Amino acid sequence: QVQLVESGGGLVQAGGSLRLSCDISGNIFRIVSMGWYRQSPGKQRELVATLTPRGEINYADSVKGRFTISNNRAKAMLYLQMNDLKHEDTAVYYCNSNFPGRDYWGQGTQVTVSS
C-alpha cells in the first residue's frame, strides 16, 4: 500500500506563491511517475505536472514557467512550487503516484487565489 498526504495549500493573492508538499509512504519500488493534479468545481480533474524516477518532467501548458515540480528521494517527498498564481489556479490539488495497473491519490489540499 502507498499513502500520500498533501500539505501547503491555502489562500493567497493573485501574483503570490505557494509551495505544496506531498509525503509519500509505502513501497514505491515500481513507481512509474508521481505528480500533481487539480480539480475546480464543475470541472474534471486535470494534470498539473508529473515527474518520473528518471527525472522526466511534464507540465500543463497553463502552468509552464510558473510552477516547478521537484522531489526529495531521501525524504520520499514531492513538491510543487507555484509562483505568479492566478485566480484560475484556484482548485483542490491532489498528489498522485502511478504504478503499473493503478494510481494512488492523496486527500487533496485547497488552493484559493483571490483576484
N, C-alpha and C. Protein backbone atom coordinates (compact mmCIF):
# COMPACT_ATOMS: atom_id res chain seq x y z
N GLN A 1 0.83 -1.19 0.00
CA GLN A 1 0.00 0.00 0.00
C GLN A 1 0.87 1.25 0.00
N VAL A 2 0.36 2.27 -0.66
CA VAL A 2 1.05 3.56 -0.73
C VAL A 2 0.08 4.61 -0.19
N GLN A 3 0.59 5.49 0.63
CA GLN A 3 -0.22 6.58 1.16
C GLN A 3 0.41 7.92 0.80
N LEU A 4 -0.43 8.87 0.46
CA LEU A 4 0.01 10.20 0.06
C LEU A 4 -0.71 11.23 0.92
N VAL A 5 0.04 12.15 1.47
CA VAL A 5 -0.55 13.20 2.32
C VAL A 5 -0.03 14.55 1.84
N GLU A 6 -0.96 15.38 1.36
CA GLU A 6 -0.58 16.70 0.87
C GLU A 6 -0.65 17.74 2.00
N SER A 7 0.12 18.80 1.82
CA SER A 7 0.06 19.95 2.72
C SER A 7 0.52 21.18 1.96
N GLY A 8 0.24 22.35 2.53
CA GLY A 8 0.76 23.58 1.95
C GLY A 8 -0.25 24.43 1.22
N GLY A 9 -1.47 23.96 1.09
CA GLY A 9 -2.47 24.78 0.43
C GLY A 9 -2.88 25.97 1.29
N GLY A 10 -3.70 26.84 0.72
CA GLY A 10 -4.17 28.00 1.47
C GLY A 10 -4.71 29.07 0.58
N LEU A 11 -4.88 30.24 1.17
CA LEU A 11 -5.40 31.41 0.46
C LEU A 11 -4.26 32.36 0.16
N VAL A 12 -4.18 32.80 -1.09
CA VAL A 12 -3.10 33.71 -1.50
C VAL A 12 -3.65 34.70 -2.51
N GLN A 13 -3.06 35.88 -2.54
CA GLN A 13 -3.48 36.87 -3.54
C GLN A 13 -2.88 36.56 -4.89
N ALA A 14 -3.54 37.00 -5.93
CA ALA A 14 -3.01 36.83 -7.28
C ALA A 14 -1.60 37.42 -7.35
N GLY A 15 -0.72 36.69 -8.01
CA GLY A 15 0.68 37.10 -8.10
C GLY A 15 1.55 36.51 -7.01
N GLY A 16 0.93 35.91 -6.02
CA GLY A 16 1.67 35.34 -4.91
C GLY A 16 2.17 33.94 -5.19
N SER A 17 2.75 33.32 -4.16
CA SER A 17 3.35 31.99 -4.30
C SER A 17 2.89 31.07 -3.18
N LEU A 18 2.88 29.78 -3.49
CA LEU A 18 2.64 28.74 -2.50
C LEU A 18 3.51 27.54 -2.86
N ARG A 19 3.82 26.75 -1.85
CA ARG A 19 4.56 25.52 -2.08
C ARG A 19 3.78 24.36 -1.49
N LEU A 20 3.40 23.44 -2.34
CA LEU A 20 2.70 22.24 -1.89
C LEU A 20 3.70 21.12 -1.64
N SER A 21 3.42 20.31 -0.63
CA SER A 21 4.25 19.17 -0.31
C SER A 21 3.40 17.91 -0.28
N CYS A 22 4.00 16.79 -0.64
CA CYS A 22 3.32 15.50 -0.59
C CYS A 22 4.25 14.49 0.05
N ASP A 23 3.80 13.95 1.17
CA ASP A 23 4.56 12.94 1.89
C ASP A 23 4.11 11.58 1.37
N ILE A 24 5.04 10.84 0.76
CA ILE A 24 4.72 9.54 0.15
C ILE A 24 5.29 8.44 1.02
N SER A 25 4.44 7.52 1.46
CA SER A 25 4.91 6.41 2.28
C SER A 25 4.46 5.10 1.66
N GLY A 26 5.19 4.02 1.97
CA GLY A 26 4.87 2.72 1.44
C GLY A 26 5.91 2.25 0.44
N ASN A 27 5.59 1.18 -0.25
CA ASN A 27 6.52 0.57 -1.20
C ASN A 27 6.39 1.25 -2.56
N ILE A 28 7.37 2.06 -2.91
CA ILE A 28 7.31 2.80 -4.19
C ILE A 28 8.34 2.27 -5.17
N PHE A 29 8.76 1.03 -4.97
CA PHE A 29 9.82 0.46 -5.80
C PHE A 29 9.45 0.47 -7.28
N ARG A 30 8.19 0.17 -7.62
CA ARG A 30 7.79 0.05 -9.02
C ARG A 30 7.07 1.29 -9.54
N ILE A 31 7.29 2.42 -8.87
CA ILE A 31 6.57 3.63 -9.28
C ILE A 31 6.91 4.01 -10.71
N VAL A 32 5.93 4.41 -11.47
CA VAL A 32 6.12 4.84 -12.86
C VAL A 32 6.31 6.36 -12.91
N SER A 33 5.47 7.07 -12.18
CA SER A 33 5.59 8.52 -12.12
C SER A 33 4.87 9.02 -10.89
N MET A 34 5.16 10.25 -10.52
CA MET A 34 4.45 10.94 -9.46
C MET A 34 4.08 12.32 -9.97
N GLY A 35 3.05 12.90 -9.40
CA GLY A 35 2.67 14.18 -9.95
C GLY A 35 1.60 14.89 -9.16
N TRP A 36 1.21 16.02 -9.71
CA TRP A 36 0.16 16.86 -9.14
C TRP A 36 -0.95 17.04 -10.16
N TYR A 37 -2.17 16.93 -9.67
CA TYR A 37 -3.37 17.17 -10.47
C TYR A 37 -4.23 18.16 -9.68
N ARG A 38 -5.17 18.76 -10.37
CA ARG A 38 -6.08 19.69 -9.69
C ARG A 38 -7.49 19.57 -10.25
N GLN A 39 -8.44 19.97 -9.41
CA GLN A 39 -9.84 19.92 -9.81
C GLN A 39 -10.57 21.13 -9.27
N SER A 40 -11.20 21.86 -10.19
CA SER A 40 -12.03 23.01 -9.82
C SER A 40 -13.48 22.58 -9.84
N PRO A 41 -14.35 23.30 -9.11
CA PRO A 41 -15.78 22.94 -9.09
C PRO A 41 -16.36 22.90 -10.50
N GLY A 42 -17.03 21.81 -10.80
CA GLY A 42 -17.68 21.68 -12.10
C GLY A 42 -16.76 21.26 -13.22
N LYS A 43 -15.50 21.03 -12.91
CA LYS A 43 -14.55 20.64 -13.94
C LYS A 43 -13.94 19.28 -13.63
N GLN A 44 -13.40 18.65 -14.67
CA GLN A 44 -12.72 17.37 -14.48
C GLN A 44 -11.34 17.60 -13.86
N ARG A 45 -10.85 16.58 -13.20
CA ARG A 45 -9.50 16.64 -12.65
C ARG A 45 -8.52 16.72 -13.82
N GLU A 46 -7.53 17.61 -13.70
CA GLU A 46 -6.59 17.81 -14.78
C GLU A 46 -5.15 17.71 -14.28
N LEU A 47 -4.28 17.32 -15.19
CA LEU A 47 -2.85 17.21 -14.88
C LEU A 47 -2.26 18.60 -14.70
N VAL A 48 -1.41 18.73 -13.69
CA VAL A 48 -0.64 19.96 -13.49
C VAL A 48 0.82 19.71 -13.86
N ALA A 49 1.41 18.68 -13.26
CA ALA A 49 2.81 18.37 -13.53
C ALA A 49 3.09 16.95 -13.10
N THR A 50 3.97 16.27 -13.83
CA THR A 50 4.40 14.92 -13.46
C THR A 50 5.91 14.81 -13.52
N LEU A 51 6.43 13.85 -12.77
CA LEU A 51 7.86 13.63 -12.67
C LEU A 51 8.11 12.13 -12.61
N THR A 52 9.05 11.63 -13.42
CA THR A 52 9.38 10.21 -13.39
C THR A 52 10.65 10.00 -12.57
N PRO A 53 10.90 8.75 -12.16
CA PRO A 53 12.13 8.48 -11.40
C PRO A 53 13.40 8.83 -12.19
N ARG A 54 13.28 8.87 -13.52
CA ARG A 54 14.45 9.23 -14.33
C ARG A 54 14.59 10.73 -14.51
N GLY A 55 13.68 11.49 -13.90
CA GLY A 55 13.78 12.94 -13.97
C GLY A 55 13.04 13.59 -15.12
N GLU A 56 12.24 12.82 -15.83
CA GLU A 56 11.45 13.40 -16.93
C GLU A 56 10.28 14.17 -16.34
N ILE A 57 10.11 15.39 -16.81
CA ILE A 57 9.08 16.28 -16.26
C ILE A 57 8.11 16.71 -17.35
N ASN A 58 6.85 16.78 -16.99
CA ASN A 58 5.82 17.25 -17.90
C ASN A 58 4.93 18.25 -17.17
N TYR A 59 4.66 19.38 -17.82
CA TYR A 59 3.79 20.41 -17.24
C TYR A 59 2.60 20.67 -18.15
N ALA A 60 1.49 21.00 -17.54
CA ALA A 60 0.37 21.53 -18.31
C ALA A 60 0.78 22.88 -18.89
N ASP A 61 0.31 23.18 -20.09
CA ASP A 61 0.67 24.44 -20.74
C ASP A 61 0.30 25.64 -19.86
N SER A 62 -0.78 25.53 -19.12
CA SER A 62 -1.27 26.66 -18.33
C SER A 62 -0.36 27.02 -17.16
N VAL A 63 0.55 26.11 -16.78
CA VAL A 63 1.40 26.39 -15.61
C VAL A 63 2.88 26.49 -15.98
N LYS A 64 3.21 26.24 -17.23
CA LYS A 64 4.62 26.30 -17.64
C LYS A 64 5.21 27.67 -17.37
N GLY A 65 6.40 27.67 -16.79
CA GLY A 65 7.07 28.92 -16.46
C GLY A 65 6.67 29.50 -15.12
N ARG A 66 5.63 28.95 -14.50
CA ARG A 66 5.17 29.47 -13.20
C ARG A 66 5.30 28.43 -12.10
N PHE A 67 5.07 27.16 -12.43
CA PHE A 67 5.11 26.08 -11.46
C PHE A 67 6.35 25.22 -11.67
N THR A 68 6.87 24.68 -10.57
CA THR A 68 8.02 23.79 -10.64
C THR A 68 7.77 22.57 -9.77
N ILE A 69 7.87 21.39 -10.37
CA ILE A 69 7.73 20.14 -9.62
C ILE A 69 9.12 19.63 -9.27
N SER A 70 9.24 19.08 -8.07
CA SER A 70 10.53 18.53 -7.65
C SER A 70 10.27 17.46 -6.59
N ASN A 71 11.32 16.71 -6.27
CA ASN A 71 11.17 15.72 -5.23
C ASN A 71 12.44 15.59 -4.41
N ASN A 72 12.30 14.98 -3.27
CA ASN A 72 13.43 14.66 -2.40
C ASN A 72 13.34 13.16 -2.14
N ARG A 73 14.16 12.40 -2.84
CA ARG A 73 14.07 10.94 -2.75
C ARG A 73 14.35 10.44 -1.34
N ALA A 74 15.32 11.05 -0.69
CA ALA A 74 15.69 10.58 0.65
C ALA A 74 14.52 10.72 1.62
N LYS A 75 13.73 11.77 1.45
CA LYS A 75 12.61 12.02 2.36
C LYS A 75 11.29 11.51 1.78
N ALA A 76 11.35 10.97 0.57
CA ALA A 76 10.12 10.49 -0.10
C ALA A 76 9.08 11.59 -0.14
N MET A 77 9.50 12.78 -0.55
CA MET A 77 8.62 13.93 -0.63
C MET A 77 8.53 14.42 -2.06
N LEU A 78 7.36 14.91 -2.43
CA LEU A 78 7.12 15.54 -3.72
C LEU A 78 6.66 16.97 -3.46
N TYR A 79 7.14 17.89 -4.27
CA TYR A 79 6.81 19.29 -4.06
C TYR A 79 6.25 19.92 -5.34
N LEU A 80 5.51 20.99 -5.14
CA LEU A 80 5.06 21.82 -6.26
C LEU A 80 5.20 23.27 -5.83
N GLN A 81 6.18 23.94 -6.40
CA GLN A 81 6.36 25.37 -6.15
C GLN A 81 5.51 26.13 -7.16
N MET A 82 4.61 26.95 -6.67
CA MET A 82 3.69 27.68 -7.53
C MET A 82 3.94 29.18 -7.37
N ASN A 83 4.37 29.81 -8.44
CA ASN A 83 4.63 31.24 -8.44
C ASN A 83 3.67 31.95 -9.38
N ASP A 84 3.56 33.27 -9.19
CA ASP A 84 2.69 34.08 -10.05
C ASP A 84 1.30 33.45 -10.17
N LEU A 85 0.72 33.12 -9.04
CA LEU A 85 -0.56 32.44 -9.04
C LEU A 85 -1.66 33.33 -9.62
N LYS A 86 -2.57 32.70 -10.32
CA LYS A 86 -3.69 33.38 -10.95
C LYS A 86 -5.00 32.85 -10.36
N HIS A 87 -6.05 33.64 -10.51
CA HIS A 87 -7.35 33.22 -9.97
C HIS A 87 -7.76 31.86 -10.53
N GLU A 88 -7.43 31.62 -11.80
CA GLU A 88 -7.83 30.36 -12.42
C GLU A 88 -7.03 29.16 -11.91
N ASP A 89 -6.03 29.39 -11.05
CA ASP A 89 -5.32 28.29 -10.42
C ASP A 89 -6.06 27.76 -9.19
N THR A 90 -7.13 28.45 -8.81
CA THR A 90 -7.92 28.01 -7.67
C THR A 90 -8.48 26.62 -7.91
N ALA A 91 -8.21 25.69 -7.00
CA ALA A 91 -8.64 24.31 -7.17
C ALA A 91 -8.21 23.50 -5.95
N VAL A 92 -8.70 22.28 -5.89
CA VAL A 92 -8.15 21.30 -4.96
C VAL A 92 -7.02 20.59 -5.68
N TYR A 93 -5.85 20.57 -5.07
CA TYR A 93 -4.67 19.97 -5.68
C TYR A 93 -4.43 18.59 -5.04
N TYR A 94 -4.23 17.61 -5.91
CA TYR A 94 -4.05 16.23 -5.48
C TYR A 94 -2.67 15.72 -5.86
N CYS A 95 -2.05 15.03 -4.95
CA CYS A 95 -0.80 14.33 -5.21
C CYS A 95 -1.13 12.95 -5.76
N ASN A 96 -0.36 12.50 -6.73
CA ASN A 96 -0.63 11.22 -7.39
C ASN A 96 0.65 10.41 -7.51
N SER A 97 0.51 9.09 -7.31
CA SER A 97 1.60 8.16 -7.62
C SER A 97 1.04 7.10 -8.56
N ASN A 98 1.71 6.94 -9.68
CA ASN A 98 1.25 5.99 -10.69
C ASN A 98 2.14 4.76 -10.71
N PHE A 99 1.45 3.58 -10.62
CA PHE A 99 2.13 2.29 -10.66
C PHE A 99 1.53 1.47 -11.78
N PRO A 100 2.19 0.41 -12.21
CA PRO A 100 1.58 -0.45 -13.22
C PRO A 100 0.22 -0.97 -12.75
N GLY A 101 -0.84 -0.58 -13.41
CA GLY A 101 -2.16 -1.10 -13.08
C GLY A 101 -2.99 -0.28 -12.12
N ARG A 102 -2.40 0.71 -11.44
CA ARG A 102 -3.21 1.51 -10.53
C ARG A 102 -2.54 2.82 -10.16
N ASP A 103 -3.41 3.72 -9.67
CA ASP A 103 -2.97 5.01 -9.17
C ASP A 103 -3.30 5.13 -7.69
N TYR A 104 -2.50 5.89 -7.00
CA TYR A 104 -2.80 6.27 -5.62
C TYR A 104 -2.95 7.79 -5.56
N TRP A 105 -3.89 8.24 -4.73
CA TRP A 105 -4.17 9.66 -4.61
C TRP A 105 -4.16 10.11 -3.15
N GLY A 106 -3.74 11.35 -2.95
CA GLY A 106 -3.89 11.94 -1.64
C GLY A 106 -5.30 12.47 -1.45
N GLN A 107 -5.54 13.07 -0.29
CA GLN A 107 -6.87 13.56 0.02
C GLN A 107 -7.14 14.94 -0.58
N GLY A 108 -6.10 15.59 -1.04
CA GLY A 108 -6.24 16.90 -1.67
C GLY A 108 -6.01 18.04 -0.71
N THR A 109 -5.53 19.16 -1.26
CA THR A 109 -5.35 20.37 -0.47
C THR A 109 -5.88 21.56 -1.28
N GLN A 110 -6.64 22.41 -0.62
CA GLN A 110 -7.29 23.51 -1.31
C GLN A 110 -6.34 24.67 -1.52
N VAL A 111 -6.30 25.16 -2.75
CA VAL A 111 -5.57 26.38 -3.09
C VAL A 111 -6.58 27.39 -3.60
N THR A 112 -6.63 28.54 -2.96
CA THR A 112 -7.55 29.60 -3.37
C THR A 112 -6.76 30.86 -3.66
N VAL A 113 -6.92 31.38 -4.88
CA VAL A 113 -6.21 32.59 -5.29
C VAL A 113 -7.23 33.70 -5.45
N SER A 114 -7.08 34.73 -4.65
CA SER A 114 -8.00 35.86 -4.72
C SER A 114 -7.51 36.86 -5.75
N SER A 115 -8.44 37.37 -6.53
CA SER A 115 -8.06 38.32 -7.59
C SER A 115 -8.14 39.75 -7.11
